[in-house]
Every structure is written in structure tokens, then in C-alpha cells.
C-alpha atoms as a PDB file:
ATOM      1  CA  MET A   1       0.000   0.000   0.000  1.00  0.00           C
ATOM      2  CA  SER A   2       1.186   3.488  -0.770  1.00  0.00           C
ATOM      3  CA  GLU A   3       1.764   5.304   2.519  1.00  0.00           C
ATOM      4  CA  THR A   4       0.726   8.668   1.072  1.00  0.00           C
ATOM      5  CA  LEU A   5      -2.477   7.210  -0.364  1.00  0.00           C
ATOM      6  CA  ILE A   6      -3.217   5.574   2.995  1.00  0.00           C
ATOM      7  CA  ALA A   7      -2.725   8.904   4.779  1.00  0.00           C
ATOM      8  CA  TRP A   8      -4.973  10.617   2.222  1.00  0.00           C
ATOM      9  CA  ALA A   9      -7.676   7.967   2.752  1.00  0.00           C
ATOM     10  CA  GLU A  10      -7.508   8.264   6.534  1.00  0.00           C
ATOM     11  CA  ASN A  11      -7.831  12.057   6.351  1.00  0.00           C
ATOM     12  CA  TYR A  12     -10.659  11.839   3.821  1.00  0.00           C
ATOM     13  CA  PHE A  13     -12.744   9.509   5.992  1.00  0.00           C
ATOM     14  CA  LYS A  14     -12.063  11.516   9.157  1.00  0.00           C
ATOM     15  CA  HIS A  15     -13.259  14.675   7.393  1.00  0.00           C
ATOM     16  CA  ARG A  16     -16.236  12.845   5.930  1.00  0.00           C
ATOM     17  CA  ASP A  17     -17.323  12.035   9.493  1.00  0.00           C
ATOM     18  CA  MET A  18     -16.810  15.564  10.777  1.00  0.00           C
ATOM     19  CA  PHE A  19     -20.496  16.301  11.404  1.00  0.00           C
ATOM     20  CA  GLU A  20     -21.852  12.881  12.386  1.00  0.00           C
ATOM     21  CA  LYS A  21     -18.927  12.053  14.682  1.00  0.00           C
ATOM     22  CA  LYS A  22     -19.619   8.319  14.542  1.00  0.00           C
ATOM     23  CA  LEU A  23     -16.113   7.211  13.553  1.00  0.00           C
ATOM     24  CA  LYS A  24     -14.381   5.753  16.588  1.00  0.00           C
ATOM     25  CA  GLU A  25     -11.129   4.615  14.989  1.00  0.00           C
ATOM     26  CA  ILE A  26      -9.359   3.502  11.833  1.00  0.00           C
ATOM     27  CA  ASN A  27      -7.256   0.356  12.015  1.00  0.00           C
ATOM     28  CA  GLN A  28      -4.926  -1.147   9.455  1.00  0.00           C
ATOM     29  CA  LYS A  29      -5.596  -4.858   8.959  1.00  0.00           C
ATOM     30  CA  ASN A  30      -3.359  -6.503   6.341  1.00  0.00           C
ATOM     31  CA  ASP A  31      -4.121  -4.736   3.045  1.00  0.00           C
ATOM     32  CA  PHE A  32      -7.162  -2.933   4.439  1.00  0.00           C
ATOM     33  CA  LEU A  33      -8.204  -0.021   6.591  1.00  0.00           C
ATOM     34  CA  VAL A  34     -11.162  -0.864   8.823  1.00  0.00           C
ATOM     35  CA  LEU A  35     -13.414   2.031   9.764  1.00  0.00           C
ATOM     36  CA  ASP A  36     -14.964   1.350  13.160  1.00  0.00           C
ATOM     37  CA  TYR A  37     -18.105   3.453  13.543  1.00  0.00           C
ATOM     38  CA  LYS A  38     -20.475   3.486  16.511  1.00  0.00           C
ATOM     39  CA  ASP A  39     -23.122   1.641  14.483  1.00  0.00           C
ATOM     40  CA  ARG A  40     -21.177  -0.326  11.839  1.00  0.00           C
ATOM     41  CA  LYS A  41     -17.827  -1.315  10.391  1.00  0.00           C
ATOM     42  CA  ASP A  42     -16.758  -0.365   6.869  1.00  0.00           C
ATOM     43  CA  ILE A  43     -13.634  -1.419   5.019  1.00  0.00           C
ATOM     44  CA  ILE A  44     -11.251   0.268   2.603  1.00  0.00           C
ATOM     45  CA  LEU A  45      -8.805  -1.331   0.220  1.00  0.00           C
ATOM     46  CA  VAL A  46      -6.113   1.217  -0.573  1.00  0.00           C
ATOM     47  CA  ASN A  47      -4.226   0.322  -3.720  1.00  0.00           C
ATOM     48  CA  ALA A  48      -2.641   2.836  -6.092  1.00  0.00           C
ATOM     49  CA  VAL A  49      -3.288   0.568  -9.077  1.00  0.00           C
ATOM     50  CA  ILE A  50      -6.302  -1.701  -9.318  1.00  0.00           C
ATOM     51  CA  GLU A  51      -5.514  -5.043 -10.891  1.00  0.00           C
ATOM     52  CA  LYS A  52      -7.164  -8.441 -11.356  1.00  0.00           C
ATOM     53  CA  ASN A  53      -6.283  -9.523  -7.801  1.00  0.00           C
ATOM     54  CA  ILE A  54      -8.826  -6.948  -6.610  1.00  0.00           C
ATOM     55  CA  PHE A  55     -11.570  -9.553  -6.979  1.00  0.00           C
ATOM     56  CA  GLU A  56      -9.941 -11.821  -4.403  1.00  0.00           C
ATOM     57  CA  LYS A  57      -9.648  -8.852  -2.053  1.00  0.00           C
ATOM     58  CA  LEU A  58     -13.329  -7.989  -2.603  1.00  0.00           C
ATOM     59  CA  LYS A  59     -14.264 -11.476  -1.350  1.00  0.00           C
ATOM     60  CA  GLU A  60     -12.481 -10.669   1.911  1.00  0.00           C
ATOM     61  CA  MET A  61     -14.550  -7.474   2.212  1.00  0.00           C
ATOM     62  CA  LYS A  62     -17.986  -9.096   1.865  1.00  0.00           C
ATOM     63  CA  ASN A  63     -18.955  -8.989   5.561  1.00  0.00           C
ATOM     64  CA  TYR A  64     -18.682  -5.214   5.872  1.00  0.00           C
ATOM     65  CA  LYS A  65     -21.555  -2.790   5.344  1.00  0.00           C
ATOM     66  CA  LYS A  66     -19.787  -0.417   2.969  1.00  0.00           C
ATOM     67  CA  LYS A  67     -16.762  -1.332   0.918  1.00  0.00           C
ATOM     68  CA  PHE A  68     -14.382   1.227  -0.527  1.00  0.00           C
ATOM     69  CA  ILE A  69     -11.493   1.009  -2.927  1.00  0.00           C
ATOM     70  CA  VAL A  70      -9.191   4.017  -2.872  1.00  0.00           C
ATOM     71  CA  CYS A  71      -6.896   4.169  -5.871  1.00  0.00           C
ATOM     72  CA  SER A  72      -4.923   6.712  -7.860  1.00  0.00           C
ATOM     73  CA  TYR A  73      -6.648   9.002 -10.333  1.00  0.00           C
ATOM     74  CA  ALA A  74      -4.927   7.351 -13.303  1.00  0.00           C
ATOM     75  CA  ASN A  75      -5.940   6.212 -16.778  1.00  0.00           C
ATOM     76  CA  THR A  76      -5.001   2.592 -16.012  1.00  0.00           C
ATOM     77  CA  ASN A  77      -7.496   2.536 -13.134  1.00  0.00           C
ATOM     78  CA  ILE A  78     -10.213   4.166 -15.238  1.00  0.00           C
ATOM     79  CA  ASP A  79      -9.613   1.583 -17.983  1.00  0.00           C
ATOM     80  CA  PHE A  80      -9.793  -1.202 -15.396  1.00  0.00           C
ATOM     81  CA  LEU A  81     -13.133   0.146 -14.173  1.00  0.00           C
ATOM     82  CA  ILE A  82     -14.576   0.229 -17.683  1.00  0.00           C
ATOM     83  CA  ASN A  83     -13.206  -3.190 -18.691  1.00  0.00           C
ATOM     84  CA  ASN A  84     -14.428  -4.873 -15.487  1.00  0.00           C
ATOM     85  CA  TRP A  85     -17.672  -2.957 -15.000  1.00  0.00           C
ATOM     86  CA  GLN A  86     -19.932  -6.009 -14.767  1.00  0.00           C
ATOM     87  CA  LYS A  87     -17.721  -7.667 -12.135  1.00  0.00           C
ATOM     88  CA  LEU A  88     -17.791  -4.486 -10.013  1.00  0.00           C
ATOM     89  CA  LEU A  89     -21.588  -4.307  -9.732  1.00  0.00           C
ATOM     90  CA  ILE A  90     -21.459  -4.985  -6.001  1.00  0.00           C
ATOM     91  CA  PRO A  91     -23.943  -3.313  -3.623  1.00  0.00           C
ATOM     92  CA  ASN A  92     -22.333  -0.744  -1.318  1.00  0.00           C
ATOM     93  CA  LEU A  93     -19.025  -0.717  -3.209  1.00  0.00           C
ATOM     94  CA  ILE A  94     -17.635   2.754  -3.780  1.00  0.00           C
ATOM     95  CA  ILE A  95     -14.456   3.320  -5.742  1.00  0.00           C
ATOM     96  CA  ILE A  96     -12.625   6.555  -4.966  1.00  0.00           C
ATOM     97  CA  PHE A  97     -10.138   7.767  -7.551  1.00  0.00           C
ATOM     98  CA  ALA A  98      -7.865  10.194  -5.696  1.00  0.00           C
ATOM     99  CA  ASN A  99      -5.352  12.691  -6.985  1.00  0.00           C
ATOM    100  CA  ILE A 100      -3.427  13.367  -3.798  1.00  0.00           C
ATOM    101  CA  LYS A 101      -1.430  16.205  -5.352  1.00  0.00           C
ATOM    102  CA  THR A 102      -4.523  18.315  -6.066  1.00  0.00           C
ATOM    103  CA  ASN A 103      -6.879  16.658  -3.546  1.00  0.00           C
ATOM    104  CA  GLN A 104      -9.303  15.948  -6.395  1.00  0.00           C
ATOM    105  CA  LYS A 105     -11.419  12.842  -6.130  1.00  0.00           C
ATOM    106  CA  VAL A 106     -14.074  11.048  -8.134  1.00  0.00           C
ATOM    107  CA  LEU A 107     -16.417   8.598  -6.426  1.00  0.00           C
ATOM    108  CA  ILE A 108     -18.060   5.875  -8.487  1.00  0.00           C
ATOM    109  CA  ASN A 109     -20.636   3.438  -7.154  1.00  0.00           C
ATOM    110  CA  PRO A 110     -20.881   0.933 -10.024  1.00  0.00           C
ATOM    111  CA  PHE A 111     -24.014  -0.775  -8.657  1.00  0.00           C
ATOM    112  CA  ILE A 112     -25.985   2.495  -8.516  1.00  0.00           C
ATOM    113  CA  HIS A 113     -24.422   4.110 -11.573  1.00  0.00           C
ATOM    114  CA  ASN A 114     -25.294   1.025 -13.604  1.00  0.00           C
ATOM    115  CA  LYS A 115     -28.977   1.579 -12.813  1.00  0.00           C
ATOM    116  CA  ILE A 116     -29.012   5.183 -14.002  1.00  0.00           C
ATOM    117  CA  CYS A 117     -26.616   5.044 -16.947  1.00  0.00           C
ATOM    118  CA  ASN A 118     -27.533   4.082 -20.487  1.00  0.00           C
ATOM    119  CA  GLN A 119     -25.442   0.950 -21.160  1.00  0.00           C
ATOM    120  CA  ASP A 120     -24.799   2.009 -24.759  1.00  0.00           C
ATOM    121  CA  HIS A 121     -22.988   5.110 -23.513  1.00  0.00           C
ATOM    122  CA  LEU A 122     -21.364   3.689 -20.385  1.00  0.00           C
ATOM    123  CA  GLU A 123     -17.745   4.164 -21.415  1.00  0.00           C
ATOM    124  CA  ASN A 124     -18.315   7.734 -22.622  1.00  0.00           C
ATOM    125  CA  ALA A 125     -20.229   8.576 -19.437  1.00  0.00           C
ATOM    126  CA  ILE A 126     -17.465   7.254 -17.201  1.00  0.00           C
ATOM    127  CA  ARG A 127     -14.733   9.012 -19.166  1.00  0.00           C
ATOM    128  CA  ALA A 128     -16.716  12.269 -19.026  1.00  0.00           C
ATOM    129  CA  VAL A 129     -16.596  12.185 -15.245  1.00  0.00           C
ATOM    130  CA  PHE A 130     -12.811  12.050 -15.369  1.00  0.00           C
ATOM    131  CA  VAL A 131     -12.255  14.949 -17.754  1.00  0.00           C
ATOM    132  CA  GLU A 132      -9.634  17.245 -16.260  1.00  0.00           C
ATOM    133  CA  ARG A 133     -11.057  20.620 -15.320  1.00  0.00           C
END
């Protein structure tokens, strides 16, 4: 795991909880960060590059309410998302593409986005989200 991406993820989830104040702690467990909230546990896989082994890791994440993948905001990860779209249609899975230099992020929930996106234009729709501004 990239230490800077891990630090970015920890800060992001701490700030995300700023108003609810339900996050008790974040623990590193093997390749994962476990978010221990007052009412649930969520899990984050932090990996700069998403590769085929991600599907084995997702099996390990199945018992958590929400599952997150935090990866780099890179074309290889965007291509992986598009090429493996059907395999990533997992309820409560959110993929966060983070550019830690600019603090930009794009969140994709394939399960939900699949329901609202026209399948004929899926690749164009995904790529449009990642257009540099």
C-alpha cells in the first residue's frame, strides 16, 4: 500500500465524518483499513493501481456494510473500471479515484451508476466524469 495514499484515505474519511462524529477509529488490517463506527464497520482497500487480484480482495470485504477502494486518479485505473464494470456491480461498493497532489477525487458506485446510466454510452459517461477541469 502506498503510505501517502493511505494517509490521504484516513484524512478523507475523518473529514467525511466531521459532522456525524460516529467514527471511533481507523485500524490497518493486512491490506485494508477498517473504519470502526459506533453503528457499523466499513472497510477500505487502498491500492494505487487496481488489478485483477482486486476480486480476491473484494471477497475478503464481503462482511462489511460499505466497501471502498481508494486508488490513484490514473488512466489505467479508469480503464480497469470500464473493462471490469460487470464484475464491479457490487452493492455498497464505492471506488474513490484520488489525486493526492490536487486533492481531487471522483467517487463511483458501479451498482448504482449502472442503474441510471444508459449501457450504450457507459464508457463515454465514465470518461466524461474524469475529464480534467
